[in-house]
Amino acid sequence: MRRYFLITIITSLALAGGAFADIAEDVEYIELRWAEVNYLLEGDEKLEAFENLVAKSEALIESNEESAELLIWSAIVKSSYAGAKGGLGALGLAKAAKAEFEAAMEIDAEALDSSAYTSLGILYHSVPSWPIGFGDSKKAEGLLRQGVENNPTGIDTNFFYANFLADKKDYSKAEEYYLRAQAAPPRPGREIADKGRQAEIQLALKAVREAQ
């Protein structure tokens, strides 16, 4: 009997390990495809690719509803698609992304270097406020600051907090955080995203320096 239980436990652990490996591969696929769509495509081709990636990420979540990582990336894809699409038609995507970020944080708020804090903060900063949307500058600032506190050397955490500060015309402090983002260590396997973000940082630094 004891041997049977040991075999059962070992088998369960092996299956769990395989499931975790599959989720990691799925996350890596979404990460890479998002970078390609976000930085390498334009116009209608970009919108169509985002729409397909939304469908793909949602299908993956159906099989892995408790994966905070997949929820975060599904929400990032929706947020990016909303940004590319623009207009009031994008609000539904933003609301769906918000729900997924919140669900991910309930499962594991520190998943993917606590990126849900920053990503949700971006939404609160970007979406119109009530009665049109759920935008809230105070919530945005709190979440973006928390993202930086949790991941102080991250390229995205520092970049998006700097964006918030620049929009608030705090150009000197924005420059400080853009420089932190610029100095962030490269992320293995995310070369396209890093290259695209560094290009955005260069443009943002130029803008805040001219504004001071």
N, C-alpha and C. Protein backbone atom coordinates (compact mmCIF):
# COMPACT_ATOMS: atom_id res chain seq x y z
N MET A 1 0.84 -1.21 0.00
CA MET A 1 0.00 0.00 0.00
C MET A 1 0.87 1.26 0.00
N ARG A 2 1.91 1.25 0.87
CA ARG A 2 2.80 2.41 0.95
C ARG A 2 3.47 2.65 -0.40
N ARG A 3 3.89 1.54 -1.05
CA ARG A 3 4.55 1.65 -2.36
C ARG A 3 3.58 2.24 -3.38
N TYR A 4 2.32 1.86 -3.31
CA TYR A 4 1.30 2.38 -4.23
C TYR A 4 1.15 3.89 -4.09
N PHE A 5 1.11 4.35 -2.83
CA PHE A 5 0.97 5.79 -2.59
C PHE A 5 2.20 6.55 -3.10
N LEU A 6 3.39 5.96 -2.88
CA LEU A 6 4.61 6.61 -3.36
C LEU A 6 4.61 6.74 -4.87
N ILE A 7 4.17 5.70 -5.55
CA ILE A 7 4.10 5.73 -7.02
C ILE A 7 3.10 6.79 -7.46
N THR A 8 1.96 6.87 -6.76
CA THR A 8 0.94 7.86 -7.09
C THR A 8 1.47 9.27 -6.94
N ILE A 9 2.17 9.52 -5.82
CA ILE A 9 2.73 10.85 -5.55
C ILE A 9 3.76 11.21 -6.61
N ILE A 10 4.66 10.27 -6.91
CA ILE A 10 5.70 10.53 -7.91
C ILE A 10 5.09 10.81 -9.27
N THR A 11 4.06 10.02 -9.63
CA THR A 11 3.38 10.23 -10.91
C THR A 11 2.72 11.60 -10.95
N SER A 12 2.07 11.98 -9.84
CA SER A 12 1.40 13.29 -9.78
C SER A 12 2.41 14.42 -9.93
N LEU A 13 3.56 14.28 -9.27
CA LEU A 13 4.59 15.31 -9.37
C LEU A 13 5.13 15.41 -10.79
N ALA A 14 5.27 14.28 -11.45
CA ALA A 14 5.75 14.28 -12.84
C ALA A 14 4.76 14.98 -13.75
N LEU A 15 3.49 14.69 -13.53
CA LEU A 15 2.45 15.34 -14.34
C LEU A 15 2.42 16.83 -14.09
N ALA A 16 2.56 17.22 -12.81
CA ALA A 16 2.57 18.64 -12.48
C ALA A 16 3.76 19.34 -13.11
N GLY A 17 4.92 18.66 -13.07
CA GLY A 17 6.10 19.23 -13.69
C GLY A 17 5.92 19.45 -15.17
N GLY A 18 5.26 18.47 -15.84
CA GLY A 18 4.98 18.63 -17.26
C GLY A 18 4.03 19.77 -17.53
N ALA A 19 3.04 19.94 -16.65
CA ALA A 19 2.07 21.03 -16.81
C ALA A 19 2.76 22.38 -16.66
N PHE A 20 3.65 22.49 -15.64
CA PHE A 20 4.38 23.74 -15.44
C PHE A 20 5.26 24.06 -16.63
N ALA A 21 5.87 23.00 -17.21
CA ALA A 21 6.72 23.20 -18.38
C ALA A 21 5.89 23.71 -19.56
N ASP A 22 4.70 23.14 -19.73
CA ASP A 22 3.82 23.57 -20.81
C ASP A 22 3.42 25.03 -20.64
N ILE A 23 3.08 25.42 -19.41
CA ILE A 23 2.69 26.80 -19.14
C ILE A 23 3.85 27.75 -19.44
N ALA A 24 5.05 27.36 -19.03
CA ALA A 24 6.23 28.19 -19.30
C ALA A 24 6.44 28.38 -20.79
N GLU A 25 6.24 27.31 -21.56
CA GLU A 25 6.37 27.41 -23.02
C GLU A 25 5.29 28.31 -23.60
N ASP A 26 4.08 28.19 -23.08
CA ASP A 26 2.98 29.04 -23.56
C ASP A 26 3.25 30.51 -23.28
N VAL A 27 3.74 30.79 -22.06
CA VAL A 27 4.06 32.17 -21.68
C VAL A 27 5.15 32.72 -22.59
N GLU A 28 6.17 31.91 -22.83
CA GLU A 28 7.27 32.33 -23.70
C GLU A 28 6.78 32.64 -25.10
N TYR A 29 5.86 31.81 -25.61
CA TYR A 29 5.30 32.04 -26.94
C TYR A 29 4.56 33.38 -26.99
N ILE A 30 3.69 33.63 -25.98
CA ILE A 30 2.91 34.88 -25.97
C ILE A 30 3.85 36.08 -25.85
N GLU A 31 4.85 35.99 -24.99
CA GLU A 31 5.84 37.07 -24.83
C GLU A 31 6.48 37.43 -26.16
N LEU A 32 6.97 36.39 -26.85
CA LEU A 32 7.70 36.63 -28.10
C LEU A 32 6.77 37.16 -29.19
N ARG A 33 5.59 36.54 -29.30
CA ARG A 33 4.67 36.97 -30.35
C ARG A 33 4.16 38.38 -30.09
N TRP A 34 3.93 38.72 -28.82
CA TRP A 34 3.51 40.09 -28.48
C TRP A 34 4.57 41.09 -28.92
N ALA A 35 5.84 40.80 -28.66
CA ALA A 35 6.92 41.71 -29.04
C ALA A 35 6.97 41.89 -30.56
N GLU A 36 6.80 40.79 -31.28
CA GLU A 36 6.81 40.87 -32.75
C GLU A 36 5.67 41.74 -33.26
N VAL A 37 4.49 41.51 -32.71
CA VAL A 37 3.31 42.28 -33.16
C VAL A 37 3.43 43.74 -32.76
N ASN A 38 3.83 43.97 -31.52
CA ASN A 38 3.86 45.33 -30.98
C ASN A 38 4.92 46.21 -31.64
N TYR A 39 6.07 45.62 -31.95
CA TYR A 39 7.20 46.42 -32.43
C TYR A 39 7.53 46.26 -33.91
N LEU A 40 7.09 45.17 -34.53
CA LEU A 40 7.51 44.92 -35.91
C LEU A 40 6.40 45.08 -36.94
N LEU A 41 5.15 45.11 -36.49
CA LEU A 41 4.03 45.21 -37.43
C LEU A 41 3.39 46.60 -37.36
N GLU A 42 2.66 46.95 -38.41
CA GLU A 42 1.99 48.25 -38.48
C GLU A 42 0.59 48.10 -39.07
N GLY A 43 -0.25 49.10 -38.83
CA GLY A 43 -1.54 49.21 -39.50
C GLY A 43 -2.46 48.03 -39.29
N ASP A 44 -3.18 47.67 -40.35
CA ASP A 44 -4.17 46.59 -40.29
C ASP A 44 -3.53 45.25 -39.94
N GLU A 45 -2.30 45.04 -40.43
CA GLU A 45 -1.61 43.78 -40.13
C GLU A 45 -1.40 43.64 -38.63
N LYS A 46 -1.07 44.74 -37.97
CA LYS A 46 -0.86 44.74 -36.52
C LYS A 46 -2.16 44.46 -35.79
N LEU A 47 -3.24 45.11 -36.19
CA LEU A 47 -4.54 44.91 -35.53
C LEU A 47 -5.01 43.47 -35.68
N GLU A 48 -4.86 42.91 -36.88
CA GLU A 48 -5.28 41.52 -37.10
C GLU A 48 -4.45 40.56 -36.27
N ALA A 49 -3.15 40.83 -36.20
CA ALA A 49 -2.28 39.96 -35.40
C ALA A 49 -2.61 40.03 -33.92
N PHE A 50 -2.92 41.22 -33.43
CA PHE A 50 -3.32 41.35 -32.02
C PHE A 50 -4.63 40.60 -31.77
N GLU A 51 -5.57 40.73 -32.69
CA GLU A 51 -6.85 40.02 -32.53
C GLU A 51 -6.63 38.52 -32.44
N ASN A 52 -5.75 37.99 -33.29
CA ASN A 52 -5.44 36.56 -33.27
C ASN A 52 -4.74 36.16 -31.97
N LEU A 53 -3.87 37.05 -31.48
CA LEU A 53 -3.13 36.74 -30.25
C LEU A 53 -4.05 36.80 -29.03
N VAL A 54 -5.04 37.67 -29.06
CA VAL A 54 -6.05 37.69 -27.99
C VAL A 54 -6.77 36.34 -27.94
N ALA A 55 -7.18 35.85 -29.09
CA ALA A 55 -7.88 34.56 -29.15
C ALA A 55 -6.98 33.42 -28.67
N LYS A 56 -5.73 33.46 -29.07
CA LYS A 56 -4.77 32.42 -28.66
C LYS A 56 -4.56 32.43 -27.15
N SER A 57 -4.35 33.60 -26.58
CA SER A 57 -4.10 33.70 -25.13
C SER A 57 -5.32 33.27 -24.34
N GLU A 58 -6.51 33.62 -24.82
CA GLU A 58 -7.73 33.20 -24.13
C GLU A 58 -7.91 31.69 -24.17
N ALA A 59 -7.55 31.08 -25.29
CA ALA A 59 -7.64 29.62 -25.41
C ALA A 59 -6.68 28.94 -24.44
N LEU A 60 -5.51 29.49 -24.27
CA LEU A 60 -4.54 28.92 -23.33
C LEU A 60 -5.03 29.03 -21.89
N ILE A 61 -5.69 30.15 -21.56
CA ILE A 61 -6.21 30.33 -20.20
C ILE A 61 -7.31 29.34 -19.89
N GLU A 62 -8.10 28.97 -20.87
CA GLU A 62 -9.18 28.00 -20.65
C GLU A 62 -8.64 26.69 -20.09
N SER A 63 -7.41 26.35 -20.47
CA SER A 63 -6.80 25.11 -19.98
C SER A 63 -5.95 25.33 -18.73
N ASN A 64 -5.69 26.59 -18.41
CA ASN A 64 -4.81 26.91 -17.26
C ASN A 64 -5.35 28.14 -16.53
N GLU A 65 -6.54 28.01 -15.98
CA GLU A 65 -7.22 29.17 -15.38
C GLU A 65 -6.51 29.71 -14.15
N GLU A 66 -5.67 28.91 -13.52
CA GLU A 66 -4.98 29.34 -12.31
C GLU A 66 -3.56 29.81 -12.57
N SER A 67 -3.22 30.04 -13.83
CA SER A 67 -1.88 30.53 -14.14
C SER A 67 -1.87 32.06 -14.13
N ALA A 68 -1.25 32.63 -13.11
CA ALA A 68 -1.15 34.09 -13.03
C ALA A 68 -0.36 34.64 -14.22
N GLU A 69 0.66 33.89 -14.64
CA GLU A 69 1.51 34.35 -15.74
C GLU A 69 0.73 34.46 -17.04
N LEU A 70 -0.08 33.45 -17.34
CA LEU A 70 -0.88 33.50 -18.56
C LEU A 70 -1.95 34.58 -18.49
N LEU A 71 -2.54 34.76 -17.32
CA LEU A 71 -3.53 35.82 -17.15
C LEU A 71 -2.91 37.19 -17.38
N ILE A 72 -1.71 37.39 -16.85
CA ILE A 72 -1.02 38.67 -17.04
C ILE A 72 -0.74 38.91 -18.51
N TRP A 73 -0.24 37.90 -19.20
CA TRP A 73 0.09 38.11 -20.60
C TRP A 73 -1.15 38.26 -21.47
N SER A 74 -2.21 37.56 -21.14
CA SER A 74 -3.46 37.75 -21.86
C SER A 74 -3.95 39.18 -21.70
N ALA A 75 -3.82 39.70 -20.49
CA ALA A 75 -4.24 41.08 -20.22
C ALA A 75 -3.33 42.09 -20.93
N ILE A 76 -2.03 41.81 -20.97
CA ILE A 76 -1.10 42.70 -21.68
C ILE A 76 -1.44 42.75 -23.16
N VAL A 77 -1.75 41.60 -23.73
CA VAL A 77 -2.13 41.55 -25.15
C VAL A 77 -3.38 42.38 -25.39
N LYS A 78 -4.38 42.21 -24.53
CA LYS A 78 -5.62 42.99 -24.68
C LYS A 78 -5.36 44.49 -24.54
N SER A 79 -4.53 44.86 -23.56
CA SER A 79 -4.21 46.27 -23.35
C SER A 79 -3.52 46.86 -24.57
N SER A 80 -2.58 46.12 -25.12
CA SER A 80 -1.84 46.60 -26.29
C SER A 80 -2.75 46.69 -27.50
N TYR A 81 -3.63 45.72 -27.65
CA TYR A 81 -4.59 45.75 -28.74
C TYR A 81 -5.51 46.95 -28.60
N ALA A 82 -5.94 47.23 -27.37
CA ALA A 82 -6.79 48.40 -27.13
C ALA A 82 -6.05 49.69 -27.51
N GLY A 83 -4.76 49.76 -27.14
CA GLY A 83 -3.99 50.95 -27.48
C GLY A 83 -3.82 51.12 -28.98
N ALA A 84 -3.61 50.02 -29.68
CA ALA A 84 -3.44 50.09 -31.13
C ALA A 84 -4.75 50.40 -31.83
N LYS A 85 -5.83 49.88 -31.27
CA LYS A 85 -7.16 50.06 -31.87
C LYS A 85 -7.68 51.47 -31.64
N GLY A 86 -7.59 51.94 -30.40
CA GLY A 86 -8.00 53.29 -30.04
C GLY A 86 -9.50 53.48 -30.05
N GLY A 87 -9.93 54.65 -29.57
CA GLY A 87 -11.35 54.98 -29.57
C GLY A 87 -12.13 54.26 -28.50
N LEU A 88 -13.43 54.56 -28.45
CA LEU A 88 -14.29 53.95 -27.43
C LEU A 88 -14.44 52.44 -27.64
N GLY A 89 -14.21 51.99 -28.86
CA GLY A 89 -14.30 50.56 -29.14
C GLY A 89 -13.26 49.75 -28.40
N ALA A 90 -12.21 50.43 -27.93
CA ALA A 90 -11.14 49.73 -27.21
C ALA A 90 -11.46 49.58 -25.72
N LEU A 91 -12.49 50.24 -25.25
CA LEU A 91 -12.78 50.23 -23.81
C LEU A 91 -13.14 48.84 -23.31
N GLY A 92 -13.84 48.07 -24.11
CA GLY A 92 -14.19 46.71 -23.71
C GLY A 92 -12.95 45.85 -23.51
N LEU A 93 -11.97 46.02 -24.38
CA LEU A 93 -10.70 45.30 -24.22
C LEU A 93 -9.99 45.71 -22.94
N ALA A 94 -10.01 47.01 -22.66
CA ALA A 94 -9.35 47.52 -21.46
C ALA A 94 -10.02 46.97 -20.20
N LYS A 95 -11.34 46.90 -20.20
CA LYS A 95 -12.06 46.37 -19.04
C LYS A 95 -11.75 44.88 -18.85
N ALA A 96 -11.67 44.14 -19.96
CA ALA A 96 -11.35 42.71 -19.87
C ALA A 96 -9.92 42.52 -19.36
N ALA A 97 -9.01 43.37 -19.81
CA ALA A 97 -7.63 43.30 -19.34
C ALA A 97 -7.55 43.59 -17.84
N LYS A 98 -8.28 44.59 -17.40
CA LYS A 98 -8.31 44.94 -15.97
C LYS A 98 -8.75 43.74 -15.13
N ALA A 99 -9.80 43.05 -15.57
CA ALA A 99 -10.31 41.90 -14.84
C ALA A 99 -9.25 40.79 -14.77
N GLU A 100 -8.51 40.60 -15.85
CA GLU A 100 -7.49 39.55 -15.87
C GLU A 100 -6.30 39.92 -14.99
N PHE A 101 -5.89 41.18 -15.01
CA PHE A 101 -4.80 41.61 -14.11
C PHE A 101 -5.21 41.38 -12.65
N GLU A 102 -6.42 41.75 -12.31
CA GLU A 102 -6.90 41.60 -10.94
C GLU A 102 -6.98 40.13 -10.55
N ALA A 103 -7.42 39.28 -11.48
CA ALA A 103 -7.48 37.84 -11.20
C ALA A 103 -6.08 37.27 -11.00
N ALA A 104 -5.13 37.72 -11.81
CA ALA A 104 -3.75 37.26 -11.68
C ALA A 104 -3.16 37.66 -10.32
N MET A 105 -3.46 38.88 -9.88
CA MET A 105 -2.94 39.36 -8.61
C MET A 105 -3.52 38.59 -7.43
N GLU A 106 -4.75 38.12 -7.56
CA GLU A 106 -5.34 37.30 -6.50
C GLU A 106 -4.64 35.95 -6.40
N ILE A 107 -4.16 35.45 -7.54
CA ILE A 107 -3.46 34.16 -7.55
C ILE A 107 -2.03 34.32 -7.08
N ASP A 108 -1.32 35.29 -7.66
CA ASP A 108 0.09 35.53 -7.31
C ASP A 108 0.46 36.94 -7.75
N ALA A 109 0.41 37.87 -6.81
CA ALA A 109 0.67 39.28 -7.13
C ALA A 109 2.11 39.53 -7.56
N GLU A 110 3.02 38.60 -7.22
CA GLU A 110 4.43 38.79 -7.54
C GLU A 110 4.85 38.06 -8.81
N ALA A 111 3.91 37.46 -9.52
CA ALA A 111 4.25 36.73 -10.75
C ALA A 111 4.85 37.68 -11.78
N LEU A 112 5.81 37.15 -12.55
CA LEU A 112 6.48 37.92 -13.60
C LEU A 112 7.03 39.24 -13.06
N ASP A 113 7.75 39.13 -11.95
CA ASP A 113 8.37 40.31 -11.33
C ASP A 113 7.34 41.38 -10.96
N SER A 114 6.18 40.93 -10.49
CA SER A 114 5.11 41.85 -10.04
C SER A 114 4.62 42.76 -11.16
N SER A 115 4.70 42.29 -12.40
CA SER A 115 4.35 43.15 -13.54
C SER A 115 2.87 43.52 -13.60
N ALA A 116 2.01 42.77 -12.90
CA ALA A 116 0.59 43.12 -12.90
C ALA A 116 0.35 44.49 -12.28
N TYR A 117 1.16 44.86 -11.27
CA TYR A 117 1.01 46.18 -10.67
C TYR A 117 1.23 47.28 -11.71
N THR A 118 2.34 47.18 -12.42
CA THR A 118 2.66 48.19 -13.43
C THR A 118 1.63 48.19 -14.55
N SER A 119 1.27 47.00 -15.02
CA SER A 119 0.35 46.91 -16.16
C SER A 119 -1.03 47.44 -15.81
N LEU A 120 -1.49 47.13 -14.60
CA LEU A 120 -2.79 47.65 -14.17
C LEU A 120 -2.71 49.16 -13.96
N GLY A 121 -1.58 49.63 -13.45
CA GLY A 121 -1.39 51.06 -13.30
C GLY A 121 -1.45 51.80 -14.62
N ILE A 122 -0.88 51.20 -15.66
CA ILE A 122 -0.94 51.80 -17.00
C ILE A 122 -2.39 51.95 -17.45
N LEU A 123 -3.19 50.93 -17.20
CA LEU A 123 -4.60 50.99 -17.59
C LEU A 123 -5.32 52.13 -16.87
N TYR A 124 -5.13 52.20 -15.56
CA TYR A 124 -5.79 53.27 -14.80
C TYR A 124 -5.35 54.66 -15.27
N HIS A 125 -4.12 54.75 -15.75
CA HIS A 125 -3.60 56.02 -16.23
C HIS A 125 -4.10 56.35 -17.65
N SER A 126 -4.29 55.32 -18.47
CA SER A 126 -4.58 55.52 -19.89
C SER A 126 -6.07 55.62 -20.21
N VAL A 127 -6.88 54.90 -19.45
CA VAL A 127 -8.32 54.83 -19.74
C VAL A 127 -9.02 56.10 -19.25
N PRO A 128 -10.01 56.60 -19.98
CA PRO A 128 -10.76 57.77 -19.50
C PRO A 128 -11.41 57.49 -18.14
N SER A 129 -11.60 58.52 -17.36
CA SER A 129 -12.23 58.36 -16.05
C SER A 129 -13.75 58.26 -16.19
N TRP A 130 -14.42 58.03 -15.06
CA TRP A 130 -15.88 57.94 -15.02
C TRP A 130 -16.48 59.25 -15.54
N PRO A 131 -17.57 59.24 -16.29
CA PRO A 131 -18.49 58.11 -16.53
C PRO A 131 -18.16 57.28 -17.77
N ILE A 132 -17.10 57.62 -18.49
CA ILE A 132 -16.79 56.86 -19.71
C ILE A 132 -16.07 55.57 -19.37
N GLY A 133 -15.04 55.67 -18.54
CA GLY A 133 -14.24 54.50 -18.21
C GLY A 133 -13.93 54.42 -16.73
N PHE A 134 -12.86 53.71 -16.39
CA PHE A 134 -12.50 53.49 -14.99
C PHE A 134 -11.19 54.18 -14.62
N GLY A 135 -10.70 55.05 -15.48
CA GLY A 135 -9.43 55.73 -15.22
C GLY A 135 -9.39 56.42 -13.87
N ASP A 136 -8.22 56.35 -13.22
CA ASP A 136 -8.08 56.93 -11.88
C ASP A 136 -6.60 57.24 -11.67
N SER A 137 -6.26 58.52 -11.65
CA SER A 137 -4.85 58.92 -11.56
C SER A 137 -4.21 58.48 -10.24
N LYS A 138 -4.94 58.57 -9.14
CA LYS A 138 -4.37 58.18 -7.84
C LYS A 138 -4.09 56.68 -7.79
N LYS A 139 -5.03 55.88 -8.28
CA LYS A 139 -4.81 54.44 -8.31
C LYS A 139 -3.64 54.11 -9.23
N ALA A 140 -3.58 54.82 -10.37
CA ALA A 140 -2.49 54.59 -11.31
C ALA A 140 -1.14 54.84 -10.66
N GLU A 141 -1.02 55.97 -9.97
CA GLU A 141 0.25 56.31 -9.34
C GLU A 141 0.63 55.28 -8.28
N GLY A 142 -0.33 54.88 -7.46
CA GLY A 142 -0.03 53.89 -6.42
C GLY A 142 0.45 52.57 -6.99
N LEU A 143 -0.19 52.10 -8.04
CA LEU A 143 0.19 50.83 -8.66
C LEU A 143 1.54 50.93 -9.35
N LEU A 144 1.77 52.03 -10.06
CA LEU A 144 3.04 52.20 -10.77
C LEU A 144 4.20 52.32 -9.77
N ARG A 145 3.98 53.03 -8.68
CA ARG A 145 5.03 53.13 -7.65
C ARG A 145 5.30 51.77 -7.02
N GLN A 146 4.24 51.00 -6.79
CA GLN A 146 4.40 49.67 -6.22
C GLN A 146 5.19 48.77 -7.17
N GLY A 147 4.92 48.92 -8.46
CA GLY A 147 5.66 48.15 -9.45
C GLY A 147 7.15 48.42 -9.38
N VAL A 148 7.52 49.70 -9.24
CA VAL A 148 8.93 50.07 -9.14
C VAL A 148 9.53 49.55 -7.83
N GLU A 149 8.79 49.64 -6.75
CA GLU A 149 9.29 49.14 -5.47
C GLU A 149 9.55 47.64 -5.51
N ASN A 150 8.67 46.92 -6.19
CA ASN A 150 8.81 45.46 -6.27
C ASN A 150 9.89 45.04 -7.26
N ASN A 151 10.11 45.86 -8.29
CA ASN A 151 11.10 45.52 -9.32
C ASN A 151 11.87 46.79 -9.68
N PRO A 152 12.77 47.24 -8.79
CA PRO A 152 13.40 48.55 -8.95
C PRO A 152 14.34 48.69 -10.13
N THR A 153 14.82 47.58 -10.68
CA THR A 153 15.74 47.66 -11.82
C THR A 153 15.08 47.27 -13.14
N GLY A 154 13.77 47.06 -13.13
CA GLY A 154 13.07 46.61 -14.33
C GLY A 154 12.94 47.71 -15.39
N ILE A 155 13.08 47.33 -16.63
CA ILE A 155 12.97 48.30 -17.72
C ILE A 155 11.54 48.83 -17.83
N ASP A 156 10.56 47.95 -17.71
CA ASP A 156 9.17 48.37 -17.89
C ASP A 156 8.64 49.12 -16.67
N THR A 157 8.97 48.65 -15.48
CA THR A 157 8.47 49.33 -14.27
C THR A 157 8.94 50.78 -14.24
N ASN A 158 10.21 51.01 -14.53
CA ASN A 158 10.75 52.37 -14.51
C ASN A 158 10.25 53.20 -15.70
N PHE A 159 10.14 52.58 -16.86
CA PHE A 159 9.69 53.32 -18.04
C PHE A 159 8.27 53.83 -17.87
N PHE A 160 7.37 52.99 -17.41
CA PHE A 160 5.98 53.41 -17.33
C PHE A 160 5.72 54.35 -16.16
N TYR A 161 6.49 54.22 -15.09
CA TYR A 161 6.37 55.21 -14.02
C TYR A 161 6.89 56.56 -14.52
N ALA A 162 7.97 56.53 -15.30
CA ALA A 162 8.49 57.77 -15.91
C ALA A 162 7.46 58.39 -16.84
N ASN A 163 6.75 57.58 -17.61
CA ASN A 163 5.69 58.10 -18.48
C ASN A 163 4.63 58.84 -17.68
N PHE A 164 4.25 58.23 -16.56
CA PHE A 164 3.25 58.86 -15.69
C PHE A 164 3.75 60.21 -15.19
N LEU A 165 4.99 60.24 -14.73
CA LEU A 165 5.56 61.49 -14.22
C LEU A 165 5.66 62.54 -15.32
N ALA A 166 6.02 62.12 -16.52
CA ALA A 166 6.12 63.07 -17.64
C ALA A 166 4.75 63.65 -17.97
N ASP A 167 3.72 62.82 -17.94
CA ASP A 167 2.37 63.31 -18.20
C ASP A 167 1.91 64.29 -17.13
N LYS A 168 2.45 64.14 -15.92
CA LYS A 168 2.14 65.07 -14.84
C LYS A 168 3.08 66.29 -14.84
N LYS A 169 3.92 66.38 -15.88
CA LYS A 169 4.87 67.49 -16.08
C LYS A 169 5.96 67.56 -15.01
N ASP A 170 6.22 66.43 -14.37
CA ASP A 170 7.33 66.33 -13.44
C ASP A 170 8.54 65.81 -14.24
N TYR A 171 9.06 66.67 -15.11
CA TYR A 171 10.02 66.24 -16.11
C TYR A 171 11.36 65.80 -15.52
N SER A 172 11.79 66.48 -14.47
CA SER A 172 13.07 66.12 -13.86
C SER A 172 13.04 64.71 -13.26
N LYS A 173 11.96 64.42 -12.54
CA LYS A 173 11.83 63.09 -11.95
C LYS A 173 11.58 62.04 -13.02
N ALA A 174 10.85 62.42 -14.06
CA ALA A 174 10.61 61.49 -15.16
C ALA A 174 11.94 61.10 -15.81
N GLU A 175 12.81 62.09 -16.01
CA GLU A 175 14.12 61.80 -16.61
C GLU A 175 14.89 60.79 -15.75
N GLU A 176 14.81 60.96 -14.43
CA GLU A 176 15.50 60.04 -13.52
C GLU A 176 15.06 58.61 -13.75
N TYR A 177 13.75 58.39 -13.89
CA TYR A 177 13.25 57.03 -14.05
C TYR A 177 13.45 56.51 -15.47
N TYR A 178 13.45 57.39 -16.47
CA TYR A 178 13.80 56.95 -17.82
C TYR A 178 15.24 56.45 -17.85
N LEU A 179 16.12 57.13 -17.14
CA LEU A 179 17.52 56.71 -17.09
C LEU A 179 17.67 55.37 -16.37
N ARG A 180 16.86 55.17 -15.35
CA ARG A 180 16.87 53.87 -14.68
C ARG A 180 16.43 52.77 -15.64
N ALA A 181 15.39 53.07 -16.42
CA ALA A 181 14.90 52.10 -17.40
C ALA A 181 15.97 51.82 -18.45
N GLN A 182 16.65 52.88 -18.88
CA GLN A 182 17.69 52.73 -19.89
C GLN A 182 18.83 51.84 -19.40
N ALA A 183 19.09 51.89 -18.11
CA ALA A 183 20.19 51.11 -17.52
C ALA A 183 19.77 49.71 -17.10
N ALA A 184 18.54 49.34 -17.34
CA ALA A 184 18.04 48.02 -16.92
C ALA A 184 18.81 46.90 -17.62
N PRO A 185 19.05 45.80 -16.91
CA PRO A 185 19.77 44.68 -17.54
C PRO A 185 18.93 44.04 -18.64
N PRO A 186 19.57 43.54 -19.69
CA PRO A 186 18.83 42.89 -20.77
C PRO A 186 18.11 41.64 -20.27
N ARG A 187 16.99 41.32 -20.90
CA ARG A 187 16.20 40.16 -20.51
C ARG A 187 16.41 39.05 -21.53
N PRO A 188 17.00 37.93 -21.11
CA PRO A 188 17.25 36.83 -22.05
C PRO A 188 15.96 36.36 -22.73
N GLY A 189 16.02 36.24 -24.05
CA GLY A 189 14.87 35.78 -24.81
C GLY A 189 13.89 36.87 -25.17
N ARG A 190 14.14 38.09 -24.69
CA ARG A 190 13.21 39.19 -24.96
C ARG A 190 13.92 40.34 -25.68
N GLU A 191 14.79 39.95 -26.61
CA GLU A 191 15.61 40.92 -27.31
C GLU A 191 14.77 41.91 -28.13
N ILE A 192 13.73 41.43 -28.78
CA ILE A 192 12.89 42.32 -29.59
C ILE A 192 12.21 43.35 -28.70
N ALA A 193 11.66 42.89 -27.58
CA ALA A 193 10.98 43.80 -26.65
C ALA A 193 11.96 44.82 -26.06
N ASP A 194 13.15 44.35 -25.69
CA ASP A 194 14.14 45.27 -25.12
C ASP A 194 14.58 46.32 -26.13
N LYS A 195 14.80 45.89 -27.35
CA LYS A 195 15.22 46.84 -28.39
C LYS A 195 14.14 47.88 -28.64
N GLY A 196 12.90 47.44 -28.72
CA GLY A 196 11.79 48.36 -28.94
C GLY A 196 11.60 49.32 -27.78
N ARG A 197 11.72 48.81 -26.55
CA ARG A 197 11.55 49.67 -25.38
C ARG A 197 12.70 50.68 -25.27
N GLN A 198 13.91 50.25 -25.57
CA GLN A 198 15.03 51.18 -25.51
C GLN A 198 14.87 52.31 -26.53
N ALA A 199 14.30 52.00 -27.67
CA ALA A 199 14.04 53.06 -28.67
C ALA A 199 13.01 54.05 -28.12
N GLU A 200 11.98 53.54 -27.44
CA GLU A 200 10.97 54.40 -26.82
C GLU A 200 11.59 55.27 -25.72
N ILE A 201 12.51 54.69 -24.97
CA ILE A 201 13.17 55.45 -23.90
C ILE A 201 13.98 56.61 -24.48
N GLN A 202 14.68 56.36 -25.57
CA GLN A 202 15.47 57.42 -26.20
C GLN A 202 14.58 58.60 -26.61
N LEU A 203 13.45 58.31 -27.23
CA LEU A 203 12.54 59.37 -27.64
C LEU A 203 11.96 60.11 -26.43
N ALA A 204 11.61 59.35 -25.39
CA ALA A 204 11.03 59.96 -24.19
C ALA A 204 12.04 60.85 -23.48
N LEU A 205 13.29 60.41 -23.40
CA LEU A 205 14.33 61.22 -22.76
C LEU A 205 14.52 62.54 -23.51
N LYS A 206 14.53 62.46 -24.82
CA LYS A 206 14.68 63.67 -25.63
C LYS A 206 13.54 64.64 -25.34
N ALA A 207 12.32 64.11 -25.25
CA ALA A 207 11.14 64.95 -25.02
C ALA A 207 11.17 65.62 -23.66
N VAL A 208 11.50 64.87 -22.60
CA VAL A 208 11.49 65.48 -21.26
C VAL A 208 12.64 66.47 -21.09
N ARG A 209 13.76 66.22 -21.74
CA ARG A 209 14.88 67.16 -21.64
C ARG A 209 14.56 68.47 -22.35
N GLU A 210 13.85 68.36 -23.46
CA GLU A 210 13.46 69.58 -24.17
C GLU A 210 12.39 70.35 -23.40
N ALA A 211 11.60 69.63 -22.59
CA ALA A 211 10.50 70.28 -21.86
C ALA A 211 10.99 70.99 -20.60
N GLN A 212 12.17 70.65 -20.13
CA GLN A 212 12.65 71.24 -18.87
C GLN A 212 13.19 72.66 -19.08
